[in-house]
PDB file of all heavy atoms in Angstrom:
ATOM      1  N   GLN A   1       0.836  -1.201   0.000  1.00  0.00           N
ATOM      2  CA  GLN A   1       0.000   0.000   0.000  1.00  0.00           C
ATOM      3  C   GLN A   1       0.873   1.255   0.000  1.00  0.00           C
ATOM      4  O   GLN A   1       2.049   1.232   0.369  1.00  0.00           O
ATOM      5  CB  GLN A   1      -0.922   0.006   1.215  1.00  0.00           C
ATOM      6  CG  GLN A   1      -1.946  -1.124   1.206  1.00  0.00           C
ATOM      7  CD  GLN A   1      -2.938  -0.979   0.064  1.00  0.00           C
ATOM      8  OE1 GLN A   1      -3.689  -0.005  -0.015  1.00  0.00           O
ATOM      9  NE2 GLN A   1      -2.920  -1.949  -0.848  1.00  0.00           N
ATOM     10  N   LYS A   2       0.251   2.373  -0.384  1.00  0.00           N
ATOM     11  CA  LYS A   2       0.964   3.647  -0.472  1.00  0.00           C
ATOM     12  C   LYS A   2       0.360   4.635   0.531  1.00  0.00           C
ATOM     13  O   LYS A   2      -0.846   4.893   0.494  1.00  0.00           O
ATOM     14  CB  LYS A   2       0.890   4.192  -1.901  1.00  0.00           C
ATOM     15  CG  LYS A   2       1.496   3.248  -2.934  1.00  0.00           C
ATOM     16  CD  LYS A   2       1.448   3.813  -4.346  1.00  0.00           C
ATOM     17  CE  LYS A   2       0.034   3.888  -4.903  1.00  0.00           C
ATOM     18  NZ  LYS A   2      -0.553   2.551  -5.118  1.00  0.00           N
ATOM     19  N   TYR A   3       1.220   5.195   1.385  1.00  0.00           N
ATOM     20  CA  TYR A   3       0.789   6.080   2.463  1.00  0.00           C
ATOM     21  C   TYR A   3       1.453   7.442   2.326  1.00  0.00           C
ATOM     22  O   TYR A   3       2.671   7.537   2.150  1.00  0.00           O
ATOM     23  CB  TYR A   3       1.149   5.489   3.819  1.00  0.00           C
ATOM     24  CG  TYR A   3       0.493   4.167   4.119  1.00  0.00           C
ATOM     25  CD1 TYR A   3       1.077   2.972   3.683  1.00  0.00           C
ATOM     26  CD2 TYR A   3      -0.704   4.094   4.824  1.00  0.00           C
ATOM     27  CE1 TYR A   3       0.486   1.748   3.947  1.00  0.00           C
ATOM     28  CE2 TYR A   3      -1.309   2.873   5.097  1.00  0.00           C
ATOM     29  CZ  TYR A   3      -0.708   1.704   4.659  1.00  0.00           C
ATOM     30  OH  TYR A   3      -1.296   0.485   4.916  1.00  0.00           O
ATOM     31  N   ALA A   4       0.657   8.506   2.458  1.00  0.00           N
ATOM     32  CA  ALA A   4       1.188   9.865   2.462  1.00  0.00           C
ATOM     33  C   ALA A   4       1.080  10.437   3.865  1.00  0.00           C
ATOM     34  O   ALA A   4       0.001  10.411   4.474  1.00  0.00           O
ATOM     35  CB  ALA A   4       0.425  10.748   1.484  1.00  0.00           C
ATOM     36  N   LEU A   5       2.190  10.937   4.388  1.00  0.00           N
ATOM     37  CA  LEU A   5       2.206  11.640   5.669  1.00  0.00           C
ATOM     38  C   LEU A   5       2.031  13.124   5.393  1.00  0.00           C
ATOM     39  O   LEU A   5       2.824  13.721   4.652  1.00  0.00           O
ATOM     40  CB  LEU A   5       3.531  11.404   6.391  1.00  0.00           C
ATOM     41  CG  LEU A   5       3.945   9.955   6.638  1.00  0.00           C
ATOM     42  CD1 LEU A   5       5.336   9.914   7.290  1.00  0.00           C
ATOM     43  CD2 LEU A   5       2.932   9.237   7.498  1.00  0.00           C
ATOM     44  N   ILE A   6       0.989  13.706   5.950  1.00  0.00           N
ATOM     45  CA  ILE A   6       0.735  15.130   5.741  1.00  0.00           C
ATOM     46  C   ILE A   6       0.650  15.820   7.096  1.00  0.00           C
ATOM     47  O   ILE A   6       0.445  15.184   8.122  1.00  0.00           O
ATOM     48  CB  ILE A   6      -0.548  15.369   4.918  1.00  0.00           C
ATOM     49  CG1 ILE A   6      -1.767  14.761   5.630  1.00  0.00           C
ATOM     50  CG2 ILE A   6      -0.409  14.794   3.515  1.00  0.00           C
ATOM     51  CD1 ILE A   6      -3.095  15.070   4.940  1.00  0.00           C
ATOM     52  N   GLY A   7       0.801  17.138   7.079  1.00  0.00           N
ATOM     53  CA  GLY A   7       0.773  17.909   8.316  1.00  0.00           C
ATOM     54  C   GLY A   7       1.716  19.082   8.219  1.00  0.00           C
ATOM     55  O   GLY A   7       2.550  19.175   7.317  1.00  0.00           O
ATOM     56  N   ALA A   8       1.582  19.998   9.161  1.00  0.00           N
ATOM     57  CA  ALA A   8       2.394  21.215   9.163  1.00  0.00           C
ATOM     58  C   ALA A   8       3.850  20.905   9.467  1.00  0.00           C
ATOM     59  O   ALA A   8       4.205  19.803   9.907  1.00  0.00           O
ATOM     60  CB  ALA A   8       1.842  22.192  10.205  1.00  0.00           C
ATOM     61  N   ASN A   9       4.708  21.882   9.241  1.00  0.00           N
ATOM     62  CA  ASN A   9       6.111  21.745   9.651  1.00  0.00           C
ATOM     63  C   ASN A   9       6.175  21.454  11.147  1.00  0.00           C
ATOM     64  O   ASN A   9       5.471  22.087  11.944  1.00  0.00           O
ATOM     65  CB  ASN A   9       6.884  23.029   9.358  1.00  0.00           C
ATOM     66  CG  ASN A   9       7.111  23.250   7.884  1.00  0.00           C
ATOM     67  OD1 ASN A   9       7.128  22.301   7.103  1.00  0.00           O
ATOM     68  ND2 ASN A   9       7.271  24.501   7.480  1.00  0.00           N
ATOM     69  N   GLY A  10       7.014  20.499  11.528  1.00  0.00           N
ATOM     70  CA  GLY A  10       7.141  20.151  12.930  1.00  0.00           C
ATOM     71  C   GLY A  10       6.092  19.189  13.441  1.00  0.00           C
ATOM     72  O   GLY A  10       6.019  18.933  14.650  1.00  0.00           O
ATOM     73  N   SER A  11       5.308  18.628  12.533  1.00  0.00           N
ATOM     74  CA  SER A  11       4.240  17.711  12.956  1.00  0.00           C
ATOM     75  C   SER A  11       4.744  16.299  13.218  1.00  0.00           C
ATOM     76  O   SER A  11       3.999  15.472  13.747  1.00  0.00           O
ATOM     77  CB  SER A  11       3.118  17.682  11.910  1.00  0.00           C
ATOM     78  OG  SER A  11       3.602  17.213  10.662  1.00  0.00           O
ATOM     79  N   GLY A  12       5.976  16.005  12.827  1.00  0.00           N
ATOM     80  CA  GLY A  12       6.553  14.695  13.101  1.00  0.00           C
ATOM     81  C   GLY A  12       6.755  13.809  11.892  1.00  0.00           C
ATOM     82  O   GLY A  12       7.180  12.653  12.032  1.00  0.00           O
ATOM     83  N   LYS A  13       6.485  14.316  10.705  1.00  0.00           N
ATOM     84  CA  LYS A  13       6.584  13.496   9.488  1.00  0.00           C
ATOM     85  C   LYS A  13       8.010  12.984   9.268  1.00  0.00           C
ATOM     86  O   LYS A  13       8.222  11.779   9.091  1.00  0.00           O
ATOM     87  CB  LYS A  13       6.121  14.315   8.261  1.00  0.00           C
ATOM     88  CG  LYS A  13       4.719  14.863   8.348  1.00  0.00           C
ATOM     89  CD  LYS A  13       4.290  15.537   7.058  1.00  0.00           C
ATOM     90  CE  LYS A  13       5.170  16.684   6.624  1.00  0.00           C
ATOM     91  NZ  LYS A  13       5.161  17.831   7.591  1.00  0.00           N
ATOM     92  N   SER A  14       8.965  13.893   9.264  1.00  0.00           N
ATOM     93  CA  SER A  14      10.361  13.496   9.018  1.00  0.00           C
ATOM     94  C   SER A  14      10.893  12.617  10.133  1.00  0.00           C
ATOM     95  O   SER A  14      11.650  11.663   9.889  1.00  0.00           O
ATOM     96  CB  SER A  14      11.247  14.732   8.863  1.00  0.00           C
ATOM     97  OG  SER A  14      10.896  15.471   7.704  1.00  0.00           O
ATOM     98  N   THR A  15      10.510  12.924  11.362  1.00  0.00           N
ATOM     99  CA  THR A  15      10.962  12.116  12.498  1.00  0.00           C
ATOM    100  C   THR A  15      10.472  10.682  12.371  1.00  0.00           C
ATOM    101  O   THR A  15      11.233   9.728  12.587  1.00  0.00           O
ATOM    102  CB  THR A  15      10.456  12.725  13.817  1.00  0.00           C
ATOM    103  OG1 THR A  15      10.983  14.053  13.961  1.00  0.00           O
ATOM    104  CG2 THR A  15      10.894  11.883  15.013  1.00  0.00           C
ATOM    105  N   LEU A  16       9.213  10.513  12.007  1.00  0.00           N
ATOM    106  CA  LEU A  16       8.675   9.167  11.831  1.00  0.00           C
ATOM    107  C   LEU A  16       9.413   8.426  10.727  1.00  0.00           C
ATOM    108  O   LEU A  16       9.775   7.243  10.896  1.00  0.00           O
ATOM    109  CB  LEU A  16       7.181   9.235  11.515  1.00  0.00           C
ATOM    110  CG  LEU A  16       6.489   7.893  11.236  1.00  0.00           C
ATOM    111  CD1 LEU A  16       6.673   6.920  12.388  1.00  0.00           C
ATOM    112  CD2 LEU A  16       5.003   8.111  10.936  1.00  0.00           C
ATOM    113  N   LEU A  17       9.675   9.082   9.608  1.00  0.00           N
ATOM    114  CA  LEU A  17      10.379   8.428   8.502  1.00  0.00           C
ATOM    115  C   LEU A  17      11.809   8.036   8.913  1.00  0.00           C
ATOM    116  O   LEU A  17      12.277   6.948   8.578  1.00  0.00           O
ATOM    117  CB  LEU A  17      10.416   9.350   7.283  1.00  0.00           C
ATOM    118  CG  LEU A  17       9.103   9.493   6.513  1.00  0.00           C
ATOM    119  CD1 LEU A  17       9.225  10.578   5.446  1.00  0.00           C
ATOM    120  CD2 LEU A  17       8.698   8.177   5.869  1.00  0.00           C
ATOM    121  N   LYS A  18      12.490   8.916   9.629  1.00  0.00           N
ATOM    122  CA  LYS A  18      13.855   8.610  10.065  1.00  0.00           C
ATOM    123  C   LYS A  18      13.886   7.406  10.997  1.00  0.00           C
ATOM    124  O   LYS A  18      14.771   6.559  10.898  1.00  0.00           O
ATOM    125  CB  LYS A  18      14.463   9.822  10.763  1.00  0.00           C
ATOM    126  CG  LYS A  18      14.799  10.975   9.841  1.00  0.00           C
ATOM    127  CD  LYS A  18      15.305  12.180  10.632  1.00  0.00           C
ATOM    128  CE  LYS A  18      15.590  13.355   9.723  1.00  0.00           C
ATOM    129  NZ  LYS A  18      16.031  14.553  10.494  1.00  0.00           N
ATOM    130  N   ILE A  19      12.902   7.330  11.896  1.00  0.00           N
ATOM    131  CA  ILE A  19      12.859   6.199  12.819  1.00  0.00           C
ATOM    132  C   ILE A  19      12.541   4.913  12.063  1.00  0.00           C
ATOM    133  O   ILE A  19      13.155   3.869  12.298  1.00  0.00           O
ATOM    134  CB  ILE A  19      11.818   6.457  13.933  1.00  0.00           C
ATOM    135  CG1 ILE A  19      12.295   7.595  14.837  1.00  0.00           C
ATOM    136  CG2 ILE A  19      11.584   5.196  14.754  1.00  0.00           C
ATOM    137  CD1 ILE A  19      11.287   8.029  15.877  1.00  0.00           C
ATOM    138  N   LEU A  20      11.606   4.972  11.122  1.00  0.00           N
ATOM    139  CA  LEU A  20      11.293   3.795  10.313  1.00  0.00           C
ATOM    140  C   LEU A  20      12.501   3.354   9.490  1.00  0.00           C
ATOM    141  O   LEU A  20      12.723   2.154   9.288  1.00  0.00           O
ATOM    142  CB  LEU A  20      10.106   4.087   9.392  1.00  0.00           C
ATOM    143  CG  LEU A  20       8.733   4.248  10.051  1.00  0.00           C
ATOM    144  CD1 LEU A  20       7.710   4.710   9.028  1.00  0.00           C
ATOM    145  CD2 LEU A  20       8.275   2.940  10.701  1.00  0.00           C
ATOM    146  N   ALA A  21      13.288   4.329   9.018  1.00  0.00           N
ATOM    147  CA  ALA A  21      14.461   4.017   8.191  1.00  0.00           C
ATOM    148  C   ALA A  21      15.641   3.531   9.019  1.00  0.00           C
ATOM    149  O   ALA A  21      16.593   2.970   8.473  1.00  0.00           O
ATOM    150  CB  ALA A  21      14.869   5.245   7.384  1.00  0.00           C
ATOM    151  N   GLY A  22      15.593   3.764  10.321  1.00  0.00           N
ATOM    152  CA  GLY A  22      16.693   3.340  11.171  1.00  0.00           C
ATOM    153  C   GLY A  22      17.807   4.348  11.307  1.00  0.00           C
ATOM    154  O   GLY A  22      18.866   4.035  11.872  1.00  0.00           O
ATOM    155  N   THR A  23      17.612   5.573  10.831  1.00  0.00           N
ATOM    156  CA  THR A  23      18.645   6.596  10.955  1.00  0.00           C
ATOM    157  C   THR A  23      18.481   7.423  12.222  1.00  0.00           C
ATOM    158  O   THR A  23      19.327   8.258  12.527  1.00  0.00           O
ATOM    159  CB  THR A  23      18.633   7.541   9.736  1.00  0.00           C
ATOM    160  OG1 THR A  23      17.390   8.258   9.703  1.00  0.00           O
ATOM    161  CG2 THR A  23      18.799   6.762   8.445  1.00  0.00           C
ATOM    162  N   LEU A  24      17.380   7.196  12.949  1.00  0.00           N
ATOM    163  CA  LEU A  24      17.115   7.891  14.201  1.00  0.00           C
ATOM    164  C   LEU A  24      16.517   6.883  15.177  1.00  0.00           C
ATOM    165  O   LEU A  24      15.658   6.080  14.799  1.00  0.00           O
ATOM    166  CB  LEU A  24      16.144   9.057  13.968  1.00  0.00           C
ATOM    167  CG  LEU A  24      15.775   9.913  15.179  1.00  0.00           C
ATOM    168  CD1 LEU A  24      16.994  10.707  15.670  1.00  0.00           C
ATOM    169  CD2 LEU A  24      14.644  10.874  14.824  1.00  0.00           C
ATOM    170  N   GLN A  25      16.969   6.946  16.410  1.00  0.00           N
ATOM    171  CA  GLN A  25      16.493   6.022  17.434  1.00  0.00           C
ATOM    172  C   GLN A  25      15.328   6.638  18.200  1.00  0.00           C
ATOM    173  O   GLN A  25      15.411   7.770  18.656  1.00  0.00           O
ATOM    174  CB  GLN A  25      17.627   5.685  18.406  1.00  0.00           C
ATOM    175  CG  GLN A  25      17.276   4.643  19.442  1.00  0.00           C
ATOM    176  CD  GLN A  25      17.149   3.253  18.841  1.00  0.00           C
ATOM    177  OE1 GLN A  25      17.910   2.879  17.955  1.00  0.00           O
ATOM    178  NE2 GLN A  25      16.199   2.489  19.334  1.00  0.00           N
ATOM    179  N   ALA A  26      14.242   5.894  18.338  1.00  0.00           N
ATOM    180  CA  ALA A  26      13.117   6.348  19.158  1.00  0.00           C
ATOM    181  C   ALA A  26      13.489   6.273  20.634  1.00  0.00           C
ATOM    182  O   ALA A  26      14.345   5.476  21.038  1.00  0.00           O
ATOM    183  CB  ALA A  26      11.887   5.494  18.883  1.00  0.00           C
TER     184      ALA A  26
END
């Protein structure tokens, strides 16, 4: 499936992607 993360700047989109990618630790 294809998912789009939307929301204002600072809403957590990039943080979620980084954690999913393994480049950032939760």
